[in-house]
Amino acid sequence: MMNRNVEERARALCAIDAHLAAVPPEEVPALVERLWPIVALEISGGVIEPDATPPPDLAQLAAEYERLKR
């Protein structure tokens, strides 16, 4: 399982990025739910915890997050 502190930080950072990218407020919760694992990977330097299962669409989600941050 993901460290709870990392998950909370990742969700918060993802929400901030969404607001900075002018994502409509009603879309932010779903976006955060979808993309927070990518932010968590960035926080942890790309290291996936041994008991964590990465999302099957990891590359697609990472690309979506990169587009969001532009």
N, C-alpha and C. Protein backbone atom coordinates (compact mmCIF):
# COMPACT_ATOMS: atom_id res chain seq x y z
N MET A 1 0.84 -1.19 0.00
CA MET A 1 0.00 0.00 0.00
C MET A 1 0.88 1.25 0.00
N MET A 2 0.41 2.27 -0.66
CA MET A 2 1.14 3.54 -0.75
C MET A 2 1.17 4.19 0.63
N ASN A 3 2.31 4.75 0.95
CA ASN A 3 2.42 5.50 2.20
C ASN A 3 1.35 6.58 2.21
N ARG A 4 0.56 6.62 3.27
CA ARG A 4 -0.59 7.54 3.35
C ARG A 4 -0.15 9.00 3.22
N ASN A 5 0.98 9.36 3.79
CA ASN A 5 1.49 10.72 3.69
C ASN A 5 1.80 11.06 2.23
N VAL A 6 2.42 10.15 1.52
CA VAL A 6 2.74 10.39 0.11
C VAL A 6 1.45 10.54 -0.69
N GLU A 7 0.47 9.70 -0.43
CA GLU A 7 -0.80 9.79 -1.15
C GLU A 7 -1.46 11.14 -0.90
N GLU A 8 -1.50 11.58 0.33
CA GLU A 8 -2.14 12.86 0.65
C GLU A 8 -1.41 14.02 -0.03
N ARG A 9 -0.09 14.00 0.00
CA ARG A 9 0.69 15.06 -0.67
C ARG A 9 0.47 15.02 -2.17
N ALA A 10 0.45 13.82 -2.74
CA ALA A 10 0.25 13.67 -4.19
C ALA A 10 -1.11 14.20 -4.60
N ARG A 11 -2.13 13.88 -3.84
CA ARG A 11 -3.48 14.38 -4.15
C ARG A 11 -3.53 15.91 -4.07
N ALA A 12 -2.91 16.47 -3.06
CA ALA A 12 -2.91 17.92 -2.89
C ALA A 12 -2.16 18.60 -4.04
N LEU A 13 -0.99 18.08 -4.39
CA LEU A 13 -0.23 18.67 -5.49
C LEU A 13 -0.96 18.55 -6.82
N CYS A 14 -1.61 17.43 -7.03
CA CYS A 14 -2.37 17.22 -8.26
C CYS A 14 -3.51 18.23 -8.35
N ALA A 15 -4.19 18.47 -7.25
CA ALA A 15 -5.28 19.45 -7.23
C ALA A 15 -4.75 20.85 -7.53
N ILE A 16 -3.61 21.19 -6.97
CA ILE A 16 -3.01 22.50 -7.24
C ILE A 16 -2.67 22.62 -8.72
N ASP A 17 -2.06 21.58 -9.28
CA ASP A 17 -1.72 21.60 -10.71
C ASP A 17 -2.98 21.75 -11.56
N ALA A 18 -4.05 21.08 -11.16
CA ALA A 18 -5.31 21.18 -11.91
C ALA A 18 -5.84 22.61 -11.87
N HIS A 19 -5.80 23.22 -10.71
CA HIS A 19 -6.27 24.61 -10.59
C HIS A 19 -5.40 25.56 -11.42
N LEU A 20 -4.08 25.35 -11.39
CA LEU A 20 -3.16 26.18 -12.18
C LEU A 20 -3.40 26.01 -13.67
N ALA A 21 -3.86 24.83 -14.07
CA ALA A 21 -4.13 24.55 -15.48
C ALA A 21 -5.55 24.96 -15.88
N ALA A 22 -6.26 25.62 -14.96
CA ALA A 22 -7.63 26.11 -15.21
C ALA A 22 -8.62 24.99 -15.50
N VAL A 23 -8.43 23.85 -14.86
CA VAL A 23 -9.41 22.77 -14.97
C VAL A 23 -10.66 23.23 -14.23
N PRO A 24 -11.83 23.06 -14.84
CA PRO A 24 -13.06 23.47 -14.15
C PRO A 24 -13.18 22.78 -12.79
N PRO A 25 -13.57 23.53 -11.76
CA PRO A 25 -13.60 22.98 -10.40
C PRO A 25 -14.37 21.67 -10.26
N GLU A 26 -15.44 21.51 -11.01
CA GLU A 26 -16.22 20.28 -10.89
C GLU A 26 -15.50 19.07 -11.48
N GLU A 27 -14.47 19.29 -12.28
CA GLU A 27 -13.70 18.19 -12.88
C GLU A 27 -12.47 17.81 -12.06
N VAL A 28 -12.09 18.66 -11.11
CA VAL A 28 -10.86 18.44 -10.35
C VAL A 28 -10.89 17.14 -9.53
N PRO A 29 -11.95 16.82 -8.80
CA PRO A 29 -11.92 15.58 -8.01
C PRO A 29 -11.66 14.32 -8.84
N ALA A 30 -12.31 14.20 -9.99
CA ALA A 30 -12.11 13.02 -10.84
C ALA A 30 -10.69 12.99 -11.41
N LEU A 31 -10.18 14.16 -11.78
CA LEU A 31 -8.83 14.24 -12.31
C LEU A 31 -7.82 13.84 -11.25
N VAL A 32 -7.99 14.35 -10.03
CA VAL A 32 -7.09 14.00 -8.93
C VAL A 32 -7.14 12.50 -8.66
N GLU A 33 -8.32 11.93 -8.65
CA GLU A 33 -8.47 10.49 -8.40
C GLU A 33 -7.73 9.67 -9.45
N ARG A 34 -7.74 10.15 -10.68
CA ARG A 34 -7.10 9.43 -11.78
C ARG A 34 -5.58 9.62 -11.79
N LEU A 35 -5.11 10.83 -11.46
CA LEU A 35 -3.70 11.15 -11.68
C LEU A 35 -2.81 11.16 -10.44
N TRP A 36 -3.40 11.09 -9.24
CA TRP A 36 -2.54 11.18 -8.05
C TRP A 36 -1.45 10.11 -8.00
N PRO A 37 -1.67 8.87 -8.52
CA PRO A 37 -0.57 7.91 -8.46
C PRO A 37 0.67 8.35 -9.25
N ILE A 38 0.46 9.12 -10.32
CA ILE A 38 1.59 9.62 -11.11
C ILE A 38 2.37 10.64 -10.29
N VAL A 39 1.66 11.52 -9.61
CA VAL A 39 2.31 12.52 -8.76
C VAL A 39 3.06 11.81 -7.62
N ALA A 40 2.47 10.78 -7.07
CA ALA A 40 3.13 10.01 -6.00
C ALA A 40 4.44 9.40 -6.51
N LEU A 41 4.42 8.90 -7.73
CA LEU A 41 5.65 8.35 -8.30
C LEU A 41 6.72 9.43 -8.43
N GLU A 42 6.31 10.62 -8.83
CA GLU A 42 7.27 11.72 -8.92
C GLU A 42 7.83 12.07 -7.55
N ILE A 43 6.98 12.12 -6.55
CA ILE A 43 7.41 12.44 -5.19
C ILE A 43 8.42 11.41 -4.71
N SER A 44 8.18 10.14 -5.03
CA SER A 44 9.05 9.07 -4.55
C SER A 44 10.23 8.79 -5.48
N GLY A 45 10.44 9.66 -6.45
CA GLY A 45 11.56 9.48 -7.36
C GLY A 45 11.38 8.31 -8.32
N GLY A 46 10.14 7.95 -8.59
CA GLY A 46 9.86 6.86 -9.53
C GLY A 46 9.91 5.48 -8.92
N VAL A 47 10.08 5.41 -7.61
CA VAL A 47 10.17 4.12 -6.93
C VAL A 47 8.77 3.67 -6.52
N ILE A 48 8.40 2.49 -6.96
CA ILE A 48 7.12 1.91 -6.60
C ILE A 48 7.36 0.99 -5.40
N GLU A 49 6.56 1.19 -4.36
CA GLU A 49 6.71 0.35 -3.17
C GLU A 49 6.48 -1.11 -3.53
N PRO A 50 7.21 -2.02 -2.88
CA PRO A 50 7.15 -3.45 -3.23
C PRO A 50 5.75 -4.04 -3.21
N ASP A 51 4.90 -3.60 -2.30
CA ASP A 51 3.56 -4.19 -2.20
C ASP A 51 2.51 -3.41 -2.98
N ALA A 52 2.94 -2.39 -3.75
CA ALA A 52 2.01 -1.57 -4.52
C ALA A 52 1.92 -2.09 -5.95
N THR A 53 0.74 -2.02 -6.51
CA THR A 53 0.53 -2.41 -7.90
C THR A 53 0.38 -1.14 -8.72
N PRO A 54 1.27 -0.92 -9.69
CA PRO A 54 1.14 0.29 -10.51
C PRO A 54 -0.12 0.21 -11.38
N PRO A 55 -0.69 1.35 -11.71
CA PRO A 55 -1.87 1.33 -12.58
C PRO A 55 -1.50 0.72 -13.93
N PRO A 56 -2.41 -0.05 -14.52
CA PRO A 56 -2.11 -0.70 -15.81
C PRO A 56 -1.88 0.31 -16.93
N ASP A 57 -2.47 1.48 -16.82
CA ASP A 57 -2.33 2.52 -17.84
C ASP A 57 -1.35 3.61 -17.41
N LEU A 58 -0.28 3.20 -16.76
CA LEU A 58 0.69 4.12 -16.19
C LEU A 58 1.23 5.11 -17.22
N ALA A 59 1.64 4.63 -18.38
CA ALA A 59 2.22 5.52 -19.40
C ALA A 59 1.20 6.55 -19.88
N GLN A 60 -0.03 6.13 -20.07
CA GLN A 60 -1.09 7.03 -20.52
C GLN A 60 -1.37 8.10 -19.46
N LEU A 61 -1.44 7.69 -18.20
CA LEU A 61 -1.68 8.63 -17.11
C LEU A 61 -0.52 9.62 -16.97
N ALA A 62 0.70 9.12 -17.11
CA ALA A 62 1.87 10.00 -17.01
C ALA A 62 1.85 11.04 -18.12
N ALA A 63 1.47 10.63 -19.32
CA ALA A 63 1.38 11.58 -20.44
C ALA A 63 0.29 12.61 -20.19
N GLU A 64 -0.84 12.18 -19.64
CA GLU A 64 -1.94 13.11 -19.32
C GLU A 64 -1.48 14.13 -18.28
N TYR A 65 -0.76 13.67 -17.27
CA TYR A 65 -0.29 14.58 -16.23
C TYR A 65 0.72 15.58 -16.80
N GLU A 66 1.59 15.13 -17.68
CA GLU A 66 2.57 16.03 -18.31
C GLU A 66 1.85 17.10 -19.12
N ARG A 67 0.81 16.74 -19.84
CA ARG A 67 0.03 17.73 -20.60
C ARG A 67 -0.63 18.73 -19.65
N LEU A 68 -1.11 18.25 -18.52
CA LEU A 68 -1.76 19.12 -17.55
C LEU A 68 -0.79 20.17 -17.03
N LYS A 69 0.45 19.79 -16.82
CA LYS A 69 1.43 20.70 -16.22
C LYS A 69 1.98 21.74 -17.20
N ARG A 70 1.70 21.58 -18.48
CA ARG A 70 2.26 22.53 -19.47
C ARG A 70 1.57 23.86 -19.42
